[in-house]
Amino acid sequence: MSDNAENIWVYHEKQEALLCGQHALNNLLQGPAFTAHQLSQIAHQLDALELEYMAQNNEGGTRSADYQRRLQEGSTNVDEAGNFSIQVLKAALQEHYRIVLDYLNDDVLKGKDITDMQGFICHKSDHWFAVRNIGGRFWNLNSTFERPEAVSHFALATEMQQTKKLGYTIFAIPSGLPPAGRKKGSAGKNWHRVSDLLQGKSTGSDPWENLQGRGMRLDGSVADPASDTMAIDELSEEEQIAIAMQQSLEPSASVVRTVTEDFTIPEEPPKGEKGTCRIQLRMPDGSRLVRPFRTTDPVGGIYSLVLSKCDGRPFTLMAGFPPKDLADVKSKSIGEAGLAGESIQGRYI
């Protein structure tokens, strides 16, 4: 085994809270480049730009039916579960790394071989994963894998063709990715020495065989295991782990709490007032509500607003990545609780 393999490291984030979109970005960039919060901020910036464009170009401006309908829909770039659109992915790479994503096609490969690419991002409806050239080898960095899987230069074109046949869209990155192969920063559990990977790379199965995992995607909802007709014992190990993670985020009856004190529904601040924010609410009945608040309003006021529309049924409110029960911060202000501009999800108990 060469000394080179001893000194090259591969960064690989494994599936956590079904955030495979975030993992795909970080695995491509070979480091913890983006947090879910950062991607959420980009999503809300894109929403604001879209609304501004509609207000300027629609007859009737902000009072037009199209604008009001779009406003009621809430964010189209991120939902309360953390699903990001492809626009978020592209904006994150372009704004922070000046990397432009291109579809893998003949124009991108004109005069080049597929092995000349630095990396790829592959997407199917329920999953995203990255492939990256590190230390002279390509690595499949699927977050549902236990560890990175090597892909030879010779096999890369064939594997990509097979991936396309499975229904994946592939984006190519010819250049511009940050250097890779050197271990840096914290998150030690995510770093793997190439020599160790090569020693244990034989797993007895095709590493590209189970690409259709039920991870969190960047442009749509998480696949609902409860509506899946496939029996649990027929799922792959990675899919069973993903389902278990998703279910672990569901509020448990033993810990779910709702408001016990009375709070007043805050008045809507006038347009243009300083110290305000907009909060997107996914009501317990599944409807959406986007409403302005003052950052000094108590979180309990949000509970009162939701309670007024729930016919007295008990519910819980959750926010963040992964979602956390907001009952502990209901006496804090929206600003103190860090909820300004956030998406909040309500569920009946």
Foldseek 3Di string as FASTA:
>chain_A
DDVLLQQFKAFFAADALLPQVQRQVCNQLRHNPDDLVRLLVLQVVVLVVVLQVCQVPPVVRCPDPVSVVSVQVPGQAAAQSRAGAVVSVQCVCCVPQVFGWDWPDCVVQPVHDPVLFQKKWKDDPQHIHIWGQTSNWIWTRRNLDPAIATDHPVCVVVLVVVSVVVPITMITTNDRRDHHGHDDDDPVVRMDRSVVCVVPNDPPDDPSPPRPAQGRHRRDGGDDPVPDPDDPVVDDPSNNVNVVSNVVLDDDPVPFDADDDDDAQDDADDPPDPQKAWEWEQAQVRGIDIGMDHQQGFLLNVSVVNCVVPVNFDKFKWGDVVTDTCPVRRRGGNVVVVNGHTYMYMHGD
